[in-house]
């Protein structure tokens, strides 16, 4: 077995000087999020190497992929070791290493000093990025800036949780989502009673340390109440931005995956979000999520310093984030750009069951759903110029659903 990345001896200054400018991009995943980046860069003749793992294959089937390489993430320093060896083995010295999920973000940020000797990194080092990835630190920073957050409690264990005064329903969430387990996969668990809260908390403690588990207020509403501010940043300065409403999502309350998203005019998020990104000294791509509560206040939920599920919509709305990130990595100037409202994105394979349920429950009239279906201007998978991913989407979804049901149960609690 390879030694941990922390045992590798390098001379960062010497190797960084020898590293060439990026000749291509290495994507750490092959799901539908990565597919949009593959197409954006590949159509411009920029080489893209895709690391495929755990059944996520859509991006790997694109005609624009230069090469696919199998990878099994380990969730520790062995991931950085793999990246280091990959650069030498595949001749990728100086390529831009681009994370597509939270685990890869953490692996790259924590081993930033080592990896920057082999790759061009647009992910900040962990000492800066942890304030975005760890919600304990993120919410503390946001509150010092006057940005509203959901009421959040951090019990040290079951005994303290039994004494806590919290309204119901309540939500159990991980403070960091890097590990892969039923709670991080589900994003959050809702408890309607204290007994249910205690039961789910004990289950969560079997998956992660109690210090990583939060109890949070439940903000009612589905995707129509959830908003995102997407941006490309350089040292905290926003270079390009776009605001979207995640109109439909699954599950409805927590939005593990968006199914129908619309670009909108800024409802008042830009000022506070740019203030937060400046305080974080953010560099690279980032999606900042908010939810509007019953009193109309926007409350900060998450900061995702990576590509996000619906980001293929952004190019259609005038902000091709993947290509702009590439230009930034090349040292090219980025003129200020903002997304255009009125564009929409639908992942039909997941939106249909969500919309059908809402129609049956009276939350969504048929005509507005049909208008959203025929009016969507962007798709995450289907593309006439790159057909194979679209043809494979349904078979892969069935495979992944069966795998999930077999290993975890439908809602991740079994």
Protein backbone atom coordinates (compact mmCIF):
# COMPACT_ATOMS: atom_id res chain seq x y z
CA UNK A 1 0.00 0.00 0.00
CA UNK A 2 1.23 3.46 -0.86
CA UNK A 3 2.44 5.60 2.01
CA UNK A 4 0.26 8.53 3.15
CA UNK A 5 0.73 11.78 1.32
CA UNK A 6 2.04 13.40 4.48
CA UNK A 7 5.11 11.11 4.35
CA UNK A 8 6.17 12.37 0.90
CA UNK A 9 9.15 14.69 0.88
CA UNK A 10 9.04 17.43 -1.72
CA UNK A 11 10.51 20.84 -2.32
CA UNK A 12 7.45 22.95 -3.17
CA UNK A 13 9.34 26.04 -4.28
CA UNK A 14 11.59 24.13 -6.68
CA UNK A 15 8.85 21.98 -8.21
CA UNK A 16 6.36 24.86 -8.49
CA UNK A 17 8.89 26.78 -10.56
CA UNK A 18 9.26 23.80 -12.90
CA UNK A 19 5.49 23.29 -13.27
CA UNK A 20 4.12 24.49 -16.63
CA UNK A 21 0.90 26.39 -17.18
CA UNK A 22 -2.24 24.20 -17.26
CA UNK A 23 -2.46 22.13 -20.43
CA UNK A 24 -5.77 20.51 -19.44
CA UNK A 25 -8.13 19.67 -16.59
CA UNK A 26 -8.45 16.64 -14.31
CA UNK A 27 -12.00 16.18 -12.99
CA UNK A 28 -12.37 14.12 -9.81
CA UNK A 29 -15.77 12.68 -10.77
CA UNK A 30 -17.84 11.52 -13.72
CA UNK A 31 -21.43 12.32 -12.71
CA UNK A 32 -23.81 14.76 -14.42
CA UNK A 33 -22.19 17.71 -12.61
CA UNK A 34 -18.85 16.88 -14.22
CA UNK A 35 -20.51 16.38 -17.61
CA UNK A 36 -21.26 20.08 -18.03
CA UNK A 37 -17.60 20.94 -17.39
CA UNK A 38 -16.42 18.26 -19.82
CA UNK A 39 -18.62 19.70 -22.56
CA UNK A 40 -17.76 23.32 -21.83
CA UNK A 41 -14.01 22.73 -22.00
CA UNK A 42 -13.93 19.89 -24.53
CA UNK A 43 -15.78 21.88 -27.17
CA UNK A 44 -13.06 24.50 -26.92
CA UNK A 45 -10.34 21.92 -27.49
CA UNK A 46 -9.19 21.87 -23.86
CA UNK A 47 -8.14 18.32 -22.84
CA UNK A 48 -10.17 16.84 -19.97
CA UNK A 49 -9.25 13.72 -18.00
CA UNK A 50 -12.11 12.25 -15.96
CA UNK A 51 -11.67 10.11 -12.84
CA UNK A 52 -14.62 7.73 -12.66
CA UNK A 53 -15.80 5.90 -9.55
CA UNK A 54 -18.76 4.24 -7.84
CA UNK A 55 -21.02 3.90 -10.85
CA UNK A 56 -20.94 7.62 -11.78
CA UNK A 57 -20.19 7.27 -15.48
CA UNK A 58 -22.13 9.90 -17.42
CA UNK A 59 -19.25 12.32 -17.94
CA UNK A 60 -16.92 9.45 -18.82
CA UNK A 61 -19.12 8.58 -21.84
CA UNK A 62 -18.94 12.06 -23.38
CA UNK A 63 -17.28 12.39 -26.77
CA UNK A 64 -15.34 15.36 -25.38
CA UNK A 65 -13.40 13.36 -22.77
CA UNK A 66 -9.71 12.95 -23.52
CA UNK A 67 -9.21 10.00 -21.17
CA UNK A 68 -10.99 8.24 -18.31
CA UNK A 69 -9.11 6.75 -15.36
CA UNK A 70 -10.63 4.50 -12.66
CA UNK A 71 -10.42 5.87 -9.13
CA UNK A 72 -11.71 4.58 -5.82
CA UNK A 73 -11.75 7.43 -3.27
CA UNK A 74 -10.46 6.51 0.19
CA UNK A 75 -11.48 9.61 2.10
CA UNK A 76 -8.02 10.21 3.59
CA UNK A 77 -4.46 11.14 2.62
CA UNK A 78 -4.35 8.22 0.20
CA UNK A 79 -6.49 10.29 -2.18
CA UNK A 80 -3.79 12.97 -2.33
CA UNK A 81 -1.19 10.24 -2.81
CA UNK A 82 -3.20 8.96 -5.78
CA UNK A 83 -3.35 12.45 -7.32
CA UNK A 84 0.40 12.93 -6.89
CA UNK A 85 1.26 9.63 -8.53
CA UNK A 86 -1.29 10.23 -11.27
CA UNK A 87 0.40 13.45 -12.35
CA UNK A 88 3.70 11.66 -12.97
CA UNK A 89 2.24 8.46 -14.41
CA UNK A 90 -0.12 10.15 -16.88
CA UNK A 91 1.99 13.21 -17.73
CA UNK A 92 -0.42 15.68 -16.10
CA UNK A 93 2.12 18.00 -14.53
CA UNK A 94 0.64 21.47 -14.22
CA UNK A 95 -2.92 20.44 -15.18
CA UNK A 96 -5.78 22.02 -13.26
CA UNK A 97 -7.16 19.61 -10.64
CA UNK A 98 -10.88 20.34 -10.29
CA UNK A 99 -13.03 18.74 -7.53
CA UNK A 100 -16.62 17.74 -8.22
CA UNK A 101 -17.77 16.72 -4.73
CA UNK A 102 -17.19 17.59 -1.08
CA UNK A 103 -14.82 14.71 -0.38
CA UNK A 104 -12.49 15.73 -3.22
CA UNK A 105 -12.62 19.36 -2.08
CA UNK A 106 -11.45 18.30 1.38
CA UNK A 107 -8.72 15.99 0.05
CA UNK A 108 -7.30 18.71 -2.21
CA UNK A 109 -7.56 21.52 0.35
CA UNK A 110 -5.96 19.52 3.18
CA UNK A 111 -3.00 18.47 1.02
CA UNK A 112 -2.79 21.75 -0.87
CA UNK A 113 0.94 22.26 -0.26
CA UNK A 114 1.80 18.88 -1.75
CA UNK A 115 -0.63 18.92 -4.64
CA UNK A 116 0.29 22.40 -5.85
CA UNK A 117 3.74 21.04 -6.69
CA UNK A 118 2.12 18.87 -9.37
CA UNK A 119 -1.11 20.64 -10.33
CA UNK A 120 -2.64 24.04 -10.82
CA UNK A 121 -5.13 24.39 -7.96
CA UNK A 122 -8.11 26.74 -7.87
CA UNK A 123 -9.22 25.30 -4.53
CA UNK A 124 -8.00 27.29 -1.49
CA UNK A 125 -5.91 25.55 1.22
CA UNK A 126 -7.79 24.06 4.15
CA UNK A 127 -6.78 26.72 6.67
CA UNK A 128 -8.93 29.11 4.62
CA UNK A 129 -11.50 26.77 3.15
CA UNK A 130 -12.52 25.13 6.42
CA UNK A 131 -14.49 28.26 7.31
CA UNK A 132 -16.71 27.54 4.30
CA UNK A 133 -16.91 23.75 4.62
CA UNK A 134 -17.42 23.41 8.38
CA UNK A 135 -20.84 24.85 9.22
CA UNK A 136 -19.80 25.47 12.82
CA UNK A 137 -17.18 27.92 11.59
CA UNK A 138 -19.31 29.17 8.69
CA UNK A 139 -22.30 30.14 10.83
CA UNK A 140 -20.07 31.83 13.40
CA UNK A 141 -18.46 33.91 10.66
CA UNK A 142 -21.82 34.72 9.08
CA UNK A 143 -23.25 35.91 12.39
CA UNK A 144 -20.30 38.25 12.93
CA UNK A 145 -21.13 39.73 9.52
CA UNK A 146 -24.80 40.12 10.37
CA UNK A 147 -25.94 37.36 7.97
CA UNK A 148 -28.93 35.37 9.20
CA UNK A 149 -28.53 31.62 9.77
CA UNK A 150 -30.91 28.91 10.98
CA UNK A 151 -30.94 28.45 14.74
CA UNK A 152 -28.33 25.74 15.28
CA UNK A 153 -27.38 23.73 18.36
CA UNK A 154 -24.31 21.55 18.91
CA UNK A 155 -25.04 19.05 21.72
CA UNK A 156 -22.06 17.17 23.10
CA UNK A 157 -24.08 13.98 23.50
CA UNK A 158 -27.49 12.44 24.14
CA UNK A 159 -27.67 13.68 27.75
CA UNK A 160 -27.28 17.31 26.66
CA UNK A 161 -29.68 16.79 23.76
CA UNK A 162 -32.37 15.55 26.16
CA UNK A 163 -32.18 18.87 28.03
CA UNK A 164 -32.10 21.15 24.99
CA UNK A 165 -35.09 23.35 24.31
CA UNK A 166 -35.79 23.14 20.60
CA UNK A 167 -39.00 23.42 18.55
CA UNK A 168 -40.27 20.58 16.38
CA UNK A 169 -39.91 19.50 13.72
CA UNK A 170 -36.14 19.71 14.12
CA UNK A 171 -33.38 18.78 11.72
CA UNK A 172 -30.26 16.68 12.22
CA UNK A 173 -27.41 17.67 9.89
CA UNK A 174 -23.68 16.99 9.61
CA UNK A 175 -21.42 20.00 10.10
CA UNK A 176 -19.08 18.66 7.38
CA UNK A 177 -20.28 16.50 4.47
CA UNK A 178 -17.01 14.97 3.29
CA UNK A 179 -17.60 11.42 4.52
CA UNK A 180 -19.97 9.09 2.68
CA UNK A 181 -22.69 7.71 4.96
CA UNK A 182 -26.51 7.67 5.10
CA UNK A 183 -26.74 11.05 6.85
CA UNK A 184 -24.36 12.94 4.55
CA UNK A 185 -26.02 11.28 1.57
CA UNK A 186 -29.50 12.34 2.74
CA UNK A 187 -28.12 15.81 3.67
CA UNK A 188 -30.47 16.03 6.68
CA UNK A 189 -32.96 14.02 8.73
CA UNK A 190 -36.15 15.58 10.09
CA UNK A 191 -37.58 14.64 13.48
CA UNK A 192 -41.19 15.48 14.39
CA UNK A 193 -40.92 14.57 18.08
CA UNK A 194 -38.22 14.48 20.76
CA UNK A 195 -38.31 10.67 20.82
CA UNK A 196 -37.68 10.58 17.08
CA UNK A 197 -34.93 13.18 17.45
CA UNK A 198 -33.15 11.10 20.09
CA UNK A 199 -33.48 7.94 18.01
CA UNK A 200 -32.09 9.59 14.89
CA UNK A 201 -29.35 11.30 16.90
CA UNK A 202 -28.16 7.94 18.23
CA UNK A 203 -28.13 6.63 14.66
CA UNK A 204 -26.13 9.66 13.54
CA UNK A 205 -23.62 9.12 16.38
CA UNK A 206 -22.95 5.65 14.96
CA UNK A 207 -21.89 7.30 11.70
CA UNK A 208 -19.80 10.25 12.90
CA UNK A 209 -18.50 11.91 16.08
CA UNK A 210 -21.13 13.85 18.11
CA UNK A 211 -19.09 17.03 17.60
CA UNK A 212 -19.88 16.78 13.87
CA UNK A 213 -23.66 16.59 14.38
CA UNK A 214 -25.89 19.67 14.47
CA UNK A 215 -29.50 20.16 15.52
CA UNK A 216 -31.08 22.88 13.43
CA UNK A 217 -34.41 24.64 13.14
CA UNK A 218 -36.69 23.38 10.38
CA UNK A 219 -37.44 26.04 7.77
CA UNK A 220 -40.67 25.08 5.96
CA UNK A 221 -40.89 25.15 2.20
CA UNK A 222 -39.53 23.37 -0.82
CA UNK A 223 -37.37 24.53 -3.68
CA UNK A 224 -39.51 27.61 -4.25
CA UNK A 225 -38.03 28.95 -0.99
CA UNK A 226 -34.45 27.93 -1.72
CA UNK A 227 -32.04 30.25 -3.55
CA UNK A 228 -28.46 30.06 -4.72
CA UNK A 229 -25.86 32.70 -5.45
CA UNK A 230 -23.25 31.18 -7.77
CA UNK A 231 -19.94 32.91 -8.34
CA UNK A 232 -16.39 32.80 -9.62
CA UNK A 233 -14.06 34.49 -7.15
CA UNK A 234 -10.43 35.55 -6.88
CA UNK A 235 -9.16 36.21 -3.35
CA UNK A 236 -12.65 37.08 -2.19
CA UNK A 237 -13.54 39.33 -5.12
CA UNK A 238 -16.54 38.24 -7.20
CA UNK A 239 -15.69 38.18 -10.92
CA UNK A 240 -18.85 36.54 -12.28
CA UNK A 241 -22.17 35.75 -10.62
CA UNK A 242 -25.67 34.43 -11.10
CA UNK A 243 -28.73 34.01 -8.86
CA UNK A 244 -31.09 31.07 -9.18
CA UNK A 245 -34.16 29.65 -7.47
CA UNK A 246 -34.20 25.88 -6.96
CA UNK A 247 -37.91 25.72 -7.76
CA UNK A 248 -38.20 21.94 -7.46
CA UNK A 249 -35.85 19.58 -5.67
CA UNK A 250 -35.62 16.16 -4.07
CA UNK A 251 -36.31 15.69 -1.23
CA UNK A 252 -38.67 18.65 -1.17
CA UNK A 253 -37.59 20.04 2.21
CA UNK A 254 -33.80 19.53 2.09
CA UNK A 255 -32.90 19.49 -1.58
CA UNK A 256 -30.29 16.79 -1.90
CA UNK A 257 -30.66 17.26 -5.65
CA UNK A 258 -32.23 20.04 -7.70
CA UNK A 259 -34.68 18.93 -10.39
CA UNK A 260 -35.92 22.26 -11.81
CA UNK A 261 -33.96 25.50 -11.43
CA UNK A 262 -34.58 29.02 -12.77
CA UNK A 263 -32.26 32.00 -13.06
CA UNK A 264 -33.83 35.08 -11.47
CA UNK A 265 -33.11 38.71 -10.72
CA UNK A 266 -31.28 39.18 -7.43
CA UNK A 267 -33.87 39.21 -4.60
CA UNK A 268 -31.37 40.84 -2.24
CA UNK A 269 -28.67 38.20 -1.84
CA UNK A 270 -25.75 39.82 -3.64
CA UNK A 271 -24.61 42.26 -0.97
CA UNK A 272 -24.45 39.85 1.96
CA UNK A 273 -23.08 37.00 -0.15
CA UNK A 274 -20.26 39.11 -1.56
CA UNK A 275 -19.48 40.25 1.97
CA UNK A 276 -19.26 36.61 3.08
CA UNK A 277 -17.08 35.58 0.12
CA UNK A 278 -14.75 38.49 0.79
CA UNK A 279 -14.39 37.43 4.44
CA UNK A 280 -13.67 33.86 3.31
CA UNK A 281 -11.10 35.14 0.77
CA UNK A 282 -12.72 32.69 -1.61
CA UNK A 283 -11.00 31.70 -4.84
CA UNK A 284 -12.57 29.51 -7.50
CA UNK A 285 -16.15 28.41 -8.08
CA UNK A 286 -18.68 28.56 -5.28
CA UNK A 287 -22.42 28.13 -4.75
CA UNK A 288 -23.91 29.78 -1.65
CA UNK A 289 -27.32 28.41 -0.62
CA UNK A 290 -30.05 30.32 1.25
CA UNK A 291 -33.59 29.48 2.30
CA UNK A 292 -36.30 32.09 2.82
CA UNK A 293 -38.25 31.58 6.02
CA UNK A 294 -41.90 32.38 6.71
CA UNK A 295 -41.02 35.98 7.60
CA UNK A 296 -39.23 36.57 4.30
CA UNK A 297 -35.68 36.46 5.73
CA UNK A 298 -32.95 34.72 3.77
CA UNK A 299 -31.02 32.33 6.00
CA UNK A 300 -27.64 30.94 5.01
CA UNK A 301 -27.57 27.14 4.62
CA UNK A 302 -24.41 26.02 2.81
CA UNK A 303 -21.33 27.10 0.91
CA UNK A 304 -20.28 24.66 -1.83
CA UNK A 305 -16.76 25.48 -3.14
CA UNK A 306 -17.02 23.29 -6.25
CA UNK A 307 -19.21 22.77 -9.30
CA UNK A 308 -22.87 22.21 -8.41
CA UNK A 309 -25.61 20.05 -9.90
CA UNK A 310 -27.39 22.66 -12.03
CA UNK A 311 -24.35 24.60 -13.21
CA UNK A 312 -24.96 23.61 -16.86
CA UNK A 313 -27.76 26.21 -16.69
CA UNK A 314 -25.26 28.99 -16.06
CA UNK A 315 -23.66 28.93 -19.52
CA UNK A 316 -27.11 29.21 -21.09
CA UNK A 317 -27.73 32.24 -18.87
CA UNK A 318 -24.48 33.87 -20.01
CA UNK A 319 -21.97 32.72 -17.38
CA UNK A 320 -19.92 29.68 -18.40
CA UNK A 321 -18.29 29.14 -15.02
CA UNK A 322 -16.12 26.19 -16.05
CA UNK A 323 -14.52 28.07 -18.92
CA UNK A 324 -14.12 31.24 -16.84
CA UNK A 325 -12.35 29.21 -14.16
CA UNK A 326 -10.02 27.82 -16.83
CA UNK A 327 -9.24 31.33 -18.05
CA UNK A 328 -8.56 32.46 -14.47
CA UNK A 329 -6.18 29.52 -13.99
CA UNK A 330 -4.36 30.62 -17.14
CA UNK A 331 -3.92 34.10 -15.71
CA UNK A 332 -6.26 35.72 -18.23
CA UNK A 333 -8.36 38.73 -17.22
CA UNK A 334 -12.03 38.03 -16.43
CA UNK A 335 -14.41 40.87 -17.32
CA UNK A 336 -17.30 41.27 -14.85
CA UNK A 337 -20.36 39.29 -15.93
CA UNK A 338 -23.76 38.55 -14.40
CA UNK A 339 -26.24 35.86 -15.33
CA UNK A 340 -29.41 36.68 -17.25
CA UNK A 341 -32.74 35.95 -15.51
CA UNK A 342 -35.41 33.88 -17.22
CA UNK A 343 -33.53 30.70 -18.11
CA UNK A 344 -34.45 27.33 -16.66
CA UNK A 345 -32.92 23.90 -16.20
CA UNK A 346 -34.66 20.58 -15.80
CA UNK A 347 -33.36 17.09 -15.11
CA UNK A 348 -36.42 15.26 -16.39
CA UNK A 349 -35.47 11.85 -15.01
CA UNK A 350 -35.66 13.18 -11.44
CA UNK A 351 -38.08 16.09 -11.94
CA UNK A 352 -40.93 13.97 -13.30
CA UNK A 353 -41.52 11.97 -10.07
CA UNK A 354 -41.13 15.14 -7.97
CA UNK A 355 -43.55 17.15 -10.15
CA UNK A 356 -46.01 14.24 -10.45
CA UNK A 357 -46.18 13.96 -6.65
CA UNK A 358 -46.71 17.73 -6.32
CA UNK A 359 -49.50 17.61 -8.92
CA UNK A 360 -51.25 14.79 -7.06
CA UNK A 361 -50.93 16.66 -3.75
CA UNK A 362 -52.30 19.88 -5.24
CA UNK A 363 -49.11 21.91 -4.83
CA UNK A 364 -48.41 22.18 -8.56
CA UNK A 365 -51.08 22.76 -11.24
CA UNK A 366 -50.60 20.73 -14.42
CA UNK A 367 -50.32 23.70 -16.79
CA UNK A 368 -47.38 25.39 -14.97
CA UNK A 369 -45.55 22.08 -14.89
CA UNK A 370 -46.10 21.58 -18.63
CA UNK A 371 -44.88 25.14 -19.26
CA UNK A 372 -41.75 24.43 -17.24
CA UNK A 373 -41.20 21.18 -19.13
CA UNK A 374 -41.49 22.69 -22.60
CA UNK A 375 -39.85 25.97 -21.59
CA UNK A 376 -36.66 24.59 -20.04
CA UNK A 377 -33.66 26.04 -21.87
CA UNK A 378 -30.96 23.77 -20.43
CA UNK A 379 -30.58 20.08 -19.65
CA UNK A 380 -27.85 18.53 -17.51
CA UNK A 381 -27.48 15.42 -19.66
CA UNK A 382 -29.21 15.52 -23.04
CA UNK A 383 -27.29 17.21 -25.85
CA UNK A 384 -27.77 16.56 -29.58
CA UNK A 385 -24.03 17.04 -30.11
CA UNK A 386 -23.13 14.50 -27.42
CA UNK A 387 -25.85 11.83 -27.35
CA UNK A 388 -24.35 8.89 -25.46
CA UNK A 389 -24.65 10.33 -21.91
CA UNK A 390 -28.34 11.03 -22.52
CA UNK A 391 -28.97 7.49 -23.76
CA UNK A 392 -27.28 6.02 -20.69
CA UNK A 393 -28.87 8.24 -18.04
CA UNK A 394 -31.95 6.12 -17.29
CA UNK A 395 -30.13 2.76 -17.12
CA UNK A 396 -27.51 4.29 -14.81
CA UNK A 397 -30.18 5.88 -12.59
CA UNK A 398 -31.91 2.51 -12.22
CA UNK A 399 -28.60 0.89 -11.33
CA UNK A 400 -27.72 3.54 -8.75
CA UNK A 401 -31.22 3.46 -7.23
CA UNK A 402 -31.06 -0.32 -6.87
CA UNK A 403 -27.61 -0.04 -5.33
CA UNK A 404 -28.80 2.60 -2.88
CA UNK A 405 -31.90 0.63 -1.88
CA UNK A 406 -29.85 -2.49 -1.36
CA UNK A 407 -27.18 -0.85 0.79
CA UNK A 408 -29.00 1.91 2.69
CA UNK A 409 -32.74 1.85 2.22
CA UNK A 410 -34.72 4.56 0.45
CA UNK A 411 -34.29 7.40 2.92
CA UNK A 412 -30.86 6.43 4.26
CA UNK A 413 -32.08 5.66 7.79
CA UNK A 414 -32.33 1.88 7.64
